[in-house]
Amino acid sequence: MLSLSVRQISRKLQDGVIVPSDVCTACLYQAEKLKKLNIFVRLTKEVAEHQAKESDVRYTNGNVRSLLDGIPVAVKDNYCTRNIETTCSSRMLESFKPPYNATVVQKLQDAGAVLLGKCNMDEFAMGSGTVDSIHGPTKNIWQSGEKYTLLRNVGERATSVEQVQGCNSTHGSKMVYQELHHLSSHSNKEGSSSPSEEGDWFIAGGSSGGSAVAVASGAVFAALGSDTGGSTRNPAAYCGVVGLKPSYGLLSRHGLIPLVNSMDVPGILTRTVDDAATLLNILAGHDLLDSTTVQDSFIPLDLSQDIDISRIRIGIPKEYNCPGMSDEVMETWSGVADILERAGAEVVQVSMPHTPSSIACYSVLNQCEVASNMARYDGIEFGLRTAENRSTEELYASTRSQGFNETVRGRILAGNYFLLQRNYPHYFLQALKVRRLIAQDFTHAWSSGIDVLLTPTTLTDAPRYSQFISRDNREQCASQDYCTQPANMAGNN
């Protein structure tokens, strides 16, 4: 049951084969069973069970709200949830309970979805591994020691079940094309995946790693992440699920605790493209509480229509073939391009000449906005407040020193340096000019008749924890986000 898509489980609910309460119970059991992966920072069991019972009544009375009605979902712990702790995986907000829901969370609940819990993340979404969290790191489901089976998805049916003894790649070419998976309820029988080396495991990616593993493991059917430079797409690639970063302004950011206001986007994680489209249709639209949302009416996606792929022109940006990209990713990238070309699409090489400058540009703008956004955490209004009382300045310093980890403090320091009056024109203004050039690269591609850009998401498959922490947070983000952050800079999907 937990391996089904949103549409499939919704059909079973509507046919009366199962009821929402049973689905909720199964998902809670799965989440509890996988505690060692550290997926959730908290399970909202009472909330979920109450919402599932309300959904039971709606199905009985024929008042189903949407395809999501009665279906368990999870949200990243940087979305405000009414009267439920929202920590951003930071000591600074360890006891913070928002008095309201984020707009996208409210839309999920209005659609009848069941909130199973809040997912782990890098502190304040600053990271690409979900290893920098006060709750501890999240582990990838693949080669975690938990038994799973792969199910090939053929139309509406899952067939060709094969037991798996582990996998050498978390997003190898075979999986990319046709496979979904679910976890068996057994753990010690023949066919279980090989456990990772003791104390060393594959990372989940970040910063939305908890949300990605929640979906990949079958604990929920869909989850919300956030994406500032790849934080939804990166863990989706590492965990073998679908990650969607909508265009800037398509989904409301109201209630999403900000990292970089000009780049933050609510992200969607599911197991199928159809499920991602279903959530997008529910969540998209103008929000009076977010002035950056697009005011034009949103036209829902309909994936049931046949697409004439021969009319699609696909661009391959040559600059995305960068140092550090693994042979496996290169082969998969080339293989997908070949598949599309054989299916009738026109595949051409394009140039995005300012891509190599995007990481440096992103790093400056990111840290400048971080410095501004983190200024609100001063120990006065909300969040952590230390016992230091000799002066206001010392209270500020003590609170921020104890409340933020080294990564956050480092970005604040760098951002304030870039924003100094003497440095402002040399760093911040120059970065804005480069950002405009990066956006123009995308504009030129679209104006040349390109419909879709085909690029890798990450440079390699998921590294082991020991390999990942051998480099500092800034270095990892610079390499892991190379292929993803230009879209955030340009505002494109």
Protein backbone atom coordinates (compact mmCIF):
# COMPACT_ATOMS: atom_id res chain seq x y z
CA MET A 1 0.00 0.00 0.00
CA LEU A 2 2.77 2.47 0.90
CA SER A 3 4.38 2.09 -2.53
CA LEU A 4 1.31 3.41 -4.38
CA SER A 5 1.15 6.81 -6.01
CA VAL A 6 -1.14 9.57 -4.74
CA ARG A 7 -3.60 8.89 -7.55
CA GLN A 8 -3.57 5.14 -6.90
CA ILE A 9 -4.09 5.40 -3.14
CA SER A 10 -6.79 8.04 -3.70
CA ARG A 11 -8.65 5.63 -5.98
CA LYS A 12 -8.55 2.90 -3.33
CA LEU A 13 -9.88 5.35 -0.76
CA GLN A 14 -12.72 6.39 -3.05
CA ASP A 15 -13.56 2.75 -3.83
CA GLY A 16 -13.72 1.97 -0.12
CA VAL A 17 -10.93 -0.64 -0.29
CA ILE A 18 -9.17 1.14 2.57
CA VAL A 19 -9.97 4.11 4.81
CA PRO A 20 -7.76 7.14 5.62
CA SER A 21 -7.29 6.04 9.25
CA ASP A 22 -5.74 2.76 8.09
CA VAL A 23 -3.39 4.58 5.73
CA CYS A 24 -2.40 6.96 8.53
CA THR A 25 -1.72 4.06 10.90
CA ALA A 26 0.45 2.30 8.31
CA CYS A 27 2.48 5.45 7.65
CA LEU A 28 2.97 6.14 11.37
CA TYR A 29 4.16 2.56 11.84
CA GLN A 30 6.60 2.95 8.95
CA ALA A 31 7.93 6.22 10.35
CA GLU A 32 8.43 4.69 13.81
CA LYS A 33 10.14 1.65 12.31
CA LEU A 34 12.65 3.84 10.48
CA LYS A 35 13.57 6.09 13.42
CA LYS A 36 17.26 5.25 13.04
CA LEU A 37 17.27 7.14 9.73
CA ASN A 38 16.30 10.31 11.63
CA ILE A 39 13.73 11.37 9.05
CA PHE A 40 11.40 13.33 11.32
CA VAL A 41 12.23 15.86 13.99
CA ARG A 42 8.75 15.19 15.34
CA LEU A 43 5.78 13.02 14.41
CA THR A 44 2.46 14.83 14.81
CA LYS A 45 0.63 11.64 15.70
CA GLU A 46 -2.39 13.16 17.41
CA VAL A 47 -2.87 15.74 14.68
CA ALA A 48 -2.54 13.09 11.97
CA GLU A 49 -4.98 10.68 13.61
CA HIS A 50 -7.53 13.46 14.11
CA GLN A 51 -7.24 14.62 10.50
CA ALA A 52 -7.49 11.03 9.25
CA LYS A 53 -10.72 10.47 11.21
CA GLU A 54 -12.19 13.65 9.76
CA SER A 55 -11.27 12.34 6.32
CA ASP A 56 -12.98 9.01 7.12
CA VAL A 57 -16.21 10.95 7.64
CA ARG A 58 -15.82 12.90 4.40
CA TYR A 59 -15.32 9.71 2.39
CA THR A 60 -18.34 8.12 4.08
CA ASN A 61 -20.49 11.16 3.28
CA GLY A 62 -19.14 11.62 -0.24
CA ASN A 63 -17.61 15.04 0.53
CA VAL A 64 -14.07 14.33 -0.63
CA ARG A 65 -12.09 17.54 -1.01
CA SER A 66 -9.35 16.51 -3.48
CA LEU A 67 -7.05 13.71 -4.58
CA LEU A 68 -5.01 14.43 -1.45
CA ASP A 69 -7.89 13.90 0.96
CA GLY A 70 -6.83 11.43 3.64
CA ILE A 71 -3.32 11.01 2.29
CA PRO A 72 -0.36 11.42 4.71
CA VAL A 73 2.19 14.10 3.85
CA ALA A 74 5.13 15.68 5.68
CA VAL A 75 6.63 19.16 5.66
CA LYS A 76 10.16 20.42 6.16
CA ASP A 77 10.76 21.96 9.57
CA ASN A 78 11.16 25.49 8.20
CA TYR A 79 7.42 25.81 7.41
CA CYS A 80 5.30 27.42 10.08
CA THR A 81 2.71 25.00 11.46
CA ARG A 82 0.12 26.31 13.91
CA ASN A 83 0.93 25.33 17.51
CA ILE A 84 3.50 22.77 16.34
CA GLU A 85 7.20 23.37 17.00
CA THR A 86 9.03 24.78 13.99
CA THR A 87 12.75 24.73 14.76
CA CYS A 88 14.56 25.07 11.42
CA SER A 89 16.75 22.39 13.06
CA SER A 90 18.38 25.17 15.09
CA ARG A 91 18.76 25.77 18.80
CA MET A 92 17.69 29.35 18.10
CA LEU A 93 14.09 28.21 17.40
CA GLU A 94 14.07 25.02 19.46
CA SER A 95 10.91 25.99 21.36
CA PHE A 96 9.22 28.19 18.72
CA LYS A 97 5.52 27.42 18.08
CA PRO A 98 4.07 29.57 15.29
CA PRO A 99 0.52 30.90 15.76
CA TYR A 100 -0.33 30.30 12.09
CA ASN A 101 0.21 27.92 9.17
CA ALA A 102 2.34 28.67 6.14
CA THR A 103 0.11 29.22 3.12
CA VAL A 104 1.22 26.01 1.39
CA VAL A 105 0.69 24.03 4.60
CA GLN A 106 -2.79 25.51 4.95
CA LYS A 107 -3.56 24.61 1.32
CA LEU A 108 -2.53 21.01 1.98
CA GLN A 109 -4.81 20.85 4.99
CA ASP A 110 -7.66 22.52 3.09
CA ALA A 111 -7.25 19.78 0.47
CA GLY A 112 -7.72 17.16 3.20
CA ALA A 113 -4.11 15.98 3.47
CA VAL A 114 -2.99 14.40 6.74
CA LEU A 115 0.08 16.00 8.36
CA LEU A 116 2.24 13.14 9.60
CA GLY A 117 5.16 15.20 10.88
CA LYS A 118 7.95 17.74 10.44
CA CYS A 119 11.10 16.61 8.61
CA ASN A 120 14.76 17.08 9.44
CA MET A 121 16.92 19.59 7.56
CA ASP A 122 20.21 21.46 7.66
CA GLU A 123 20.07 24.32 10.16
CA PHE A 124 18.11 27.19 8.60
CA ALA A 125 18.41 25.29 5.28
CA MET A 126 22.13 26.07 5.00
CA GLY A 127 23.63 22.89 3.62
CA SER A 128 23.46 20.18 1.00
CA GLY A 129 23.58 17.03 3.11
CA THR A 130 21.11 17.29 6.04
CA VAL A 131 24.03 16.70 8.38
CA ASP A 132 24.10 20.12 10.11
CA SER A 133 21.04 19.81 12.36
CA ILE A 134 20.59 20.01 16.12
CA HIS A 135 18.55 16.81 15.72
CA GLY A 136 21.46 14.96 14.12
CA PRO A 137 21.96 13.90 10.48
CA THR A 138 19.40 12.14 8.30
CA LYS A 139 20.53 8.90 6.65
CA ASN A 140 19.68 7.82 3.13
CA ILE A 141 17.34 4.85 2.86
CA TRP A 142 19.55 3.22 0.22
CA GLN A 143 22.02 0.69 1.68
CA SER A 144 20.84 1.67 5.14
CA GLY A 145 20.39 -1.94 6.28
CA GLU A 146 16.61 -1.77 5.84
CA LYS A 147 15.11 -4.25 3.43
CA TYR A 148 13.40 -2.82 0.37
CA THR A 149 12.17 -4.02 -2.98
CA LEU A 150 12.14 -2.17 -6.28
CA LEU A 151 8.92 -2.02 -8.26
CA ARG A 152 8.99 -1.15 -11.93
CA ASN A 153 6.17 1.27 -12.65
CA VAL A 154 4.33 0.34 -15.82
CA GLY A 155 1.34 2.60 -16.39
CA GLU A 156 -0.97 2.33 -13.40
CA ARG A 157 0.39 -1.01 -12.28
CA ALA A 158 3.60 -1.85 -10.49
CA THR A 159 5.11 -5.04 -11.90
CA SER A 160 8.38 -6.97 -12.08
CA VAL A 161 9.12 -7.02 -8.39
CA GLU A 162 12.76 -7.74 -7.65
CA GLN A 163 14.48 -8.18 -4.31
CA VAL A 164 17.49 -5.95 -3.93
CA GLN A 165 20.70 -6.67 -2.08
CA GLY A 166 21.70 -3.00 -2.02
CA CYS A 167 22.59 -0.70 -4.87
CA ASN A 168 25.91 0.76 -6.00
CA SER A 169 24.25 4.05 -6.95
CA THR A 170 21.39 5.97 -5.42
CA HIS A 171 20.31 7.24 -8.81
CA GLY A 172 21.83 4.82 -11.30
CA SER A 173 20.56 4.81 -14.86
CA LYS A 174 18.25 1.82 -14.38
CA MET A 175 16.41 3.51 -11.54
CA VAL A 176 16.18 6.84 -13.29
CA TYR A 177 14.12 5.38 -16.09
CA GLN A 178 11.45 3.18 -14.64
CA GLU A 179 11.61 2.19 -11.03
CA LEU A 180 9.73 3.01 -7.84
CA HIS A 181 10.36 1.26 -4.58
CA HIS A 182 8.82 0.43 -1.28
CA LEU A 183 10.10 -0.98 1.97
CA SER A 184 9.12 -4.45 3.02
CA SER A 185 7.68 -4.83 6.51
CA HIS A 186 10.31 -7.51 7.14
CA SER A 187 13.89 -6.68 7.94
CA ASN A 188 15.95 -9.83 8.40
CA LYS A 189 14.96 -12.12 5.55
CA GLU A 190 16.75 -12.98 2.35
CA GLY A 191 16.87 -10.06 -0.03
CA SER A 192 17.58 -7.33 2.50
CA SER A 193 19.91 -4.57 1.42
CA SER A 194 23.48 -4.62 2.65
CA PRO A 195 23.91 -2.35 5.66
CA SER A 196 26.30 0.57 5.35
CA GLU A 197 29.64 0.33 7.01
CA GLU A 198 29.20 0.87 10.74
CA GLY A 199 29.12 4.59 11.46
CA ASP A 200 29.38 5.48 7.77
CA TRP A 201 26.33 5.72 5.56
CA PHE A 202 25.12 7.49 2.43
CA ILE A 203 23.90 11.04 3.01
CA ALA A 204 20.34 12.02 2.10
CA GLY A 205 21.30 15.29 0.43
CA GLY A 206 20.06 18.63 1.57
CA SER A 207 18.87 20.74 2.86
CA SER A 208 15.50 18.94 2.49
CA GLY A 209 16.94 15.49 3.18
CA GLY A 210 14.33 14.51 5.75
CA SER A 211 11.50 15.22 3.33
CA ALA A 212 13.18 13.22 0.55
CA VAL A 213 13.78 10.16 2.74
CA ALA A 214 10.22 10.37 4.10
CA VAL A 215 8.92 9.99 0.55
CA ALA A 216 11.53 7.45 -0.57
CA SER A 217 10.92 5.22 2.47
CA GLY A 218 7.13 5.08 2.14
CA ALA A 219 6.53 6.96 5.39
CA VAL A 220 4.47 9.53 3.43
CA PHE A 221 3.21 9.87 -0.13
CA ALA A 222 4.45 13.44 -0.63
CA ALA A 223 6.40 16.07 1.25
CA LEU A 224 7.28 19.74 1.13
CA GLY A 225 10.88 20.86 0.93
CA SER A 226 12.33 24.26 0.17
CA ASP A 227 14.74 25.20 -2.60
CA THR A 228 17.15 28.14 -2.52
CA GLY A 229 19.94 26.71 -4.66
CA GLY A 230 18.93 23.08 -5.13
CA SER A 231 17.77 22.00 -1.67
CA THR A 232 14.77 20.06 -3.02
CA ARG A 233 16.29 18.69 -6.22
CA ASN A 234 19.58 17.60 -4.62
CA PRO A 235 18.08 15.20 -2.02
CA ALA A 236 15.50 14.03 -4.55
CA ALA A 237 18.35 12.93 -6.82
CA TYR A 238 20.25 11.25 -3.98
CA CYS A 239 17.16 9.42 -2.71
CA GLY A 240 15.68 8.43 -6.08
CA VAL A 241 12.43 10.43 -5.94
CA VAL A 242 10.90 13.31 -7.91
CA GLY A 243 11.90 16.80 -6.78
CA LEU A 244 10.20 19.86 -8.25
CA LYS A 245 11.35 23.46 -7.81
CA PRO A 246 8.49 25.60 -9.17
CA SER A 247 9.23 28.95 -10.77
CA TYR A 248 9.73 31.79 -8.32
CA GLY A 249 6.38 33.33 -7.41
CA LEU A 250 4.24 30.38 -8.44
CA LEU A 251 3.87 29.14 -4.85
CA SER A 252 3.51 31.37 -1.81
CA ARG A 253 6.48 31.78 0.52
CA HIS A 254 4.29 33.11 3.35
CA GLY A 255 5.18 31.10 6.44
CA LEU A 256 8.35 29.63 4.91
CA ILE A 257 11.05 30.88 7.29
CA PRO A 258 13.36 32.76 4.93
CA LEU A 259 16.92 31.98 4.01
CA VAL A 260 17.33 34.06 0.83
CA ASN A 261 14.11 35.90 0.02
CA SER A 262 14.95 36.48 -3.63
CA MET A 263 15.66 32.79 -4.31
CA ASP A 264 13.63 30.74 -1.80
CA VAL A 265 10.94 28.56 -3.38
CA PRO A 266 8.66 25.93 -1.76
CA GLY A 267 9.65 22.55 -3.18
CA ILE A 268 7.63 19.40 -3.83
CA LEU A 269 8.87 15.82 -3.29
CA THR A 270 6.91 12.81 -4.53
CA ARG A 271 7.50 9.37 -6.03
CA THR A 272 6.00 10.12 -9.47
CA VAL A 273 5.83 13.09 -11.81
CA ASP A 274 2.04 12.85 -11.82
CA ASP A 275 2.00 13.20 -8.02
CA ALA A 276 4.23 16.29 -8.27
CA ALA A 277 1.80 17.83 -10.76
CA THR A 278 -1.12 17.01 -8.45
CA LEU A 279 0.51 18.86 -5.54
CA LEU A 280 1.53 21.77 -7.77
CA ASN A 281 -2.07 22.20 -8.93
CA ILE A 282 -3.24 22.35 -5.32
CA LEU A 283 -0.51 24.66 -4.01
CA ALA A 284 -0.01 27.15 -6.86
CA GLY A 285 -1.69 30.52 -7.11
CA HIS A 286 -1.59 34.11 -5.97
CA ASP A 287 -1.48 34.76 -2.23
CA LEU A 288 -2.48 38.12 -0.77
CA LEU A 289 -0.04 37.44 2.07
CA ASP A 290 2.92 37.17 -0.32
CA SER A 291 3.40 40.09 -2.68
CA THR A 292 5.96 38.14 -4.73
CA THR A 293 3.45 35.56 -5.94
CA VAL A 294 2.35 35.77 -9.57
CA GLN A 295 -1.05 37.46 -9.90
CA ASP A 296 -1.97 35.81 -13.19
CA SER A 297 -4.45 32.94 -12.93
CA PHE A 298 -2.76 29.57 -12.64
CA ILE A 299 -3.73 27.04 -15.31
CA PRO A 300 -3.64 23.54 -13.74
CA LEU A 301 -1.34 21.00 -15.36
CA ASP A 302 -2.99 18.10 -17.14
CA LEU A 303 -0.55 15.27 -17.76
CA SER A 304 -3.24 13.02 -19.23
CA GLN A 305 -2.90 14.79 -22.58
CA ASP A 306 -0.64 13.15 -25.13
CA ILE A 307 2.52 15.14 -25.81
CA ASP A 308 3.92 15.29 -29.33
CA ILE A 309 7.57 14.98 -28.38
CA SER A 310 8.64 15.60 -31.98
CA ARG A 311 7.65 19.23 -31.47
CA ILE A 312 9.90 19.65 -28.41
CA ARG A 313 13.35 21.20 -28.71
CA ILE A 314 15.69 20.17 -25.90
CA GLY A 315 18.85 22.07 -25.03
CA ILE A 316 22.00 20.54 -23.52
CA PRO A 317 24.03 23.35 -21.86
CA LYS A 318 27.68 22.59 -22.56
CA GLU A 319 28.88 24.53 -19.50
CA TYR A 320 27.13 22.04 -17.20
CA ASN A 321 29.71 19.42 -18.19
CA CYS A 322 31.99 20.54 -15.40
CA PRO A 323 35.01 19.22 -13.49
CA GLY A 324 34.04 16.74 -10.80
CA MET A 325 31.10 15.22 -12.65
CA SER A 326 31.22 11.44 -12.36
CA ASP A 327 31.27 9.09 -15.34
CA GLU A 328 27.99 7.57 -14.17
CA VAL A 329 26.20 10.94 -14.19
CA MET A 330 27.68 11.72 -17.62
CA GLU A 331 26.50 8.37 -18.99
CA THR A 332 23.01 8.84 -17.55
CA TRP A 333 22.78 12.40 -18.90
CA SER A 334 23.84 11.21 -22.35
CA GLY A 335 21.55 8.18 -22.14
CA VAL A 336 18.46 10.25 -21.36
CA ALA A 337 19.30 12.63 -24.22
CA ASP A 338 19.58 9.64 -26.59
CA ILE A 339 16.21 8.27 -25.42
CA LEU A 340 14.51 11.60 -26.05
CA GLU A 341 16.15 11.96 -29.46
CA ARG A 342 15.08 8.46 -30.53
CA ALA A 343 11.55 9.32 -29.41
CA GLY A 344 11.52 12.20 -31.89
CA ALA A 345 12.65 15.24 -29.90
CA GLU A 346 15.22 17.62 -31.31
CA VAL A 347 18.24 17.66 -29.00
CA VAL A 348 20.78 20.44 -29.49
CA GLN A 349 23.73 21.85 -27.60
CA VAL A 350 23.33 25.34 -26.18
CA SER A 351 25.62 27.72 -24.37
CA MET A 352 25.00 29.25 -20.94
CA PRO A 353 28.30 31.18 -20.80
CA HIS A 354 27.92 32.70 -17.34
CA THR A 355 27.26 29.39 -15.54
CA PRO A 356 30.88 29.08 -14.27
CA SER A 357 30.45 32.43 -12.48
CA SER A 358 27.15 31.52 -10.86
CA ILE A 359 28.55 29.79 -7.76
CA ALA A 360 30.65 32.81 -6.78
CA CYS A 361 27.72 35.12 -7.49
CA TYR A 362 25.32 32.89 -5.54
CA SER A 363 27.68 32.72 -2.57
CA VAL A 364 27.85 36.50 -2.26
CA LEU A 365 24.12 37.13 -2.65
CA ASN A 366 23.18 34.19 -0.44
CA GLN A 367 25.35 35.35 2.44
CA CYS A 368 24.26 38.98 2.14
CA GLU A 369 20.60 38.02 2.43
CA VAL A 370 21.39 35.53 5.21
CA ALA A 371 23.05 38.30 7.21
CA SER A 372 19.92 40.42 6.81
CA ASN A 373 17.43 37.64 7.58
CA MET A 374 19.30 36.29 10.60
CA ALA A 375 19.40 39.76 12.21
CA ARG A 376 15.90 39.19 13.58
CA TYR A 377 17.17 36.48 15.95
CA ASP A 378 18.50 38.63 18.77
CA GLY A 379 17.08 37.04 21.90
CA ILE A 380 14.54 39.81 22.40
CA GLU A 381 11.37 39.06 20.42
CA PHE A 382 11.26 35.27 20.03
CA GLY A 383 13.47 32.22 19.99
CA LEU A 384 16.41 31.47 22.25
CA ARG A 385 17.36 34.00 24.92
CA THR A 386 20.44 33.33 27.02
CA ALA A 387 20.85 34.36 30.66
CA GLU A 388 23.39 37.08 29.82
CA ASN A 389 22.05 40.33 31.28
CA ARG A 390 25.02 42.67 31.72
CA SER A 391 24.14 44.62 28.58
CA THR A 392 21.93 44.42 25.52
CA GLU A 393 24.97 43.99 23.28
CA GLU A 394 26.23 41.04 25.32
CA LEU A 395 22.75 39.48 25.28
CA TYR A 396 22.74 39.73 21.48
CA ALA A 397 26.22 38.23 21.19
CA SER A 398 25.61 35.42 23.66
CA THR A 399 22.25 34.46 22.15
CA ARG A 400 23.52 34.38 18.58
CA SER A 401 26.70 32.56 19.51
CA GLN A 402 24.83 29.80 21.32
CA GLY A 403 21.78 29.76 19.04
CA PHE A 404 23.50 29.44 15.67
CA ASN A 405 25.92 26.74 14.54
CA GLU A 406 29.27 27.47 12.91
CA THR A 407 27.88 27.38 9.38
CA VAL A 408 25.19 29.97 10.09
CA ARG A 409 27.59 32.23 12.01
CA GLY A 410 30.10 32.00 9.16
CA ARG A 411 27.56 33.07 6.55
CA ILE A 412 26.37 35.95 8.72
CA LEU A 413 29.97 37.12 9.12
CA ALA A 414 30.69 36.89 5.39
CA GLY A 415 27.43 38.59 4.47
CA ASN A 416 28.06 41.52 6.77
CA TYR A 417 31.55 41.85 5.32
CA PHE A 418 30.19 42.02 1.77
CA LEU A 419 27.65 44.64 2.87
CA LEU A 420 30.15 46.98 4.49
CA GLN A 421 30.00 50.41 2.85
CA ARG A 422 33.50 50.06 1.43
CA ASN A 423 32.80 46.54 0.06
CA TYR A 424 29.19 46.95 -1.11
CA PRO A 425 29.95 48.10 -4.69
CA HIS A 426 32.72 45.52 -5.14
CA TYR A 427 30.76 42.48 -3.98
CA PHE A 428 27.01 42.90 -3.68
CA LEU A 429 26.47 45.20 -6.67
CA GLN A 430 28.84 43.21 -8.87
CA ALA A 431 27.04 39.98 -7.90
CA LEU A 432 23.70 41.54 -8.89
CA LYS A 433 25.14 42.38 -12.32
CA VAL A 434 26.37 38.80 -12.79
CA ARG A 435 22.98 37.52 -11.67
CA ARG A 436 21.35 39.54 -14.44
CA LEU A 437 23.73 37.96 -16.98
CA ILE A 438 22.86 34.47 -15.71
CA ALA A 439 19.15 35.26 -16.09
CA GLN A 440 19.84 36.49 -19.62
CA ASP A 441 21.48 33.14 -20.46
CA PHE A 442 18.15 31.46 -19.78
CA THR A 443 16.22 34.15 -21.66
CA HIS A 444 18.45 33.68 -24.72
CA ALA A 445 17.92 29.90 -24.58
CA TRP A 446 14.13 30.26 -24.50
CA SER A 447 14.13 32.89 -27.25
CA SER A 448 16.21 30.60 -29.50
CA GLY A 449 13.36 28.09 -29.54
CA ILE A 450 14.51 25.83 -26.69
CA ASP A 451 11.56 24.34 -24.77
CA VAL A 452 13.43 22.34 -22.13
CA LEU A 453 16.97 22.33 -20.73
CA LEU A 454 18.26 18.86 -19.83
CA THR A 455 20.92 18.93 -17.12
CA PRO A 456 22.19 16.75 -14.29
CA THR A 457 21.09 17.56 -10.75
CA THR A 458 24.20 16.59 -8.79
CA LEU A 459 27.72 15.85 -9.96
CA THR A 460 27.83 12.38 -8.40
CA ASP A 461 25.58 9.92 -6.66
CA ALA A 462 25.18 10.19 -2.89
CA PRO A 463 28.54 10.22 -1.10
CA ARG A 464 29.18 8.50 2.18
CA TYR A 465 29.02 10.62 5.34
CA SER A 466 32.77 10.38 5.95
CA GLN A 467 33.48 11.58 2.43
CA PHE A 468 30.96 14.42 2.67
CA ILE A 469 32.26 15.89 5.95
CA SER A 470 35.87 15.79 4.75
CA ARG A 471 35.09 19.16 3.13
CA ASP A 472 33.44 22.09 4.88
CA ASN A 473 29.85 23.20 4.32
CA ARG A 474 30.76 26.01 1.94
CA GLU A 475 32.88 23.77 -0.30
CA GLN A 476 30.18 21.11 -0.44
CA CYS A 477 27.46 23.60 -1.37
CA ALA A 478 29.70 25.10 -4.06
CA SER A 479 30.13 21.73 -5.76
CA GLN A 480 26.79 20.06 -5.01
CA ASP A 481 24.73 23.06 -6.19
CA TYR A 482 26.64 23.74 -9.41
CA CYS A 483 23.91 22.45 -11.71
CA THR A 484 20.91 23.60 -9.66
CA GLN A 485 21.46 27.11 -8.32
CA PRO A 486 21.52 28.97 -11.70
CA ALA A 487 17.77 28.32 -12.00
CA ASN A 488 17.19 29.95 -8.60
CA MET A 489 19.30 32.92 -9.64
CA ALA A 490 17.24 33.33 -12.79
CA GLY A 491 13.87 32.51 -11.18
CA ASN A 492 13.18 29.71 -13.67
CA ASN A 493 11.69 26.30 -12.91
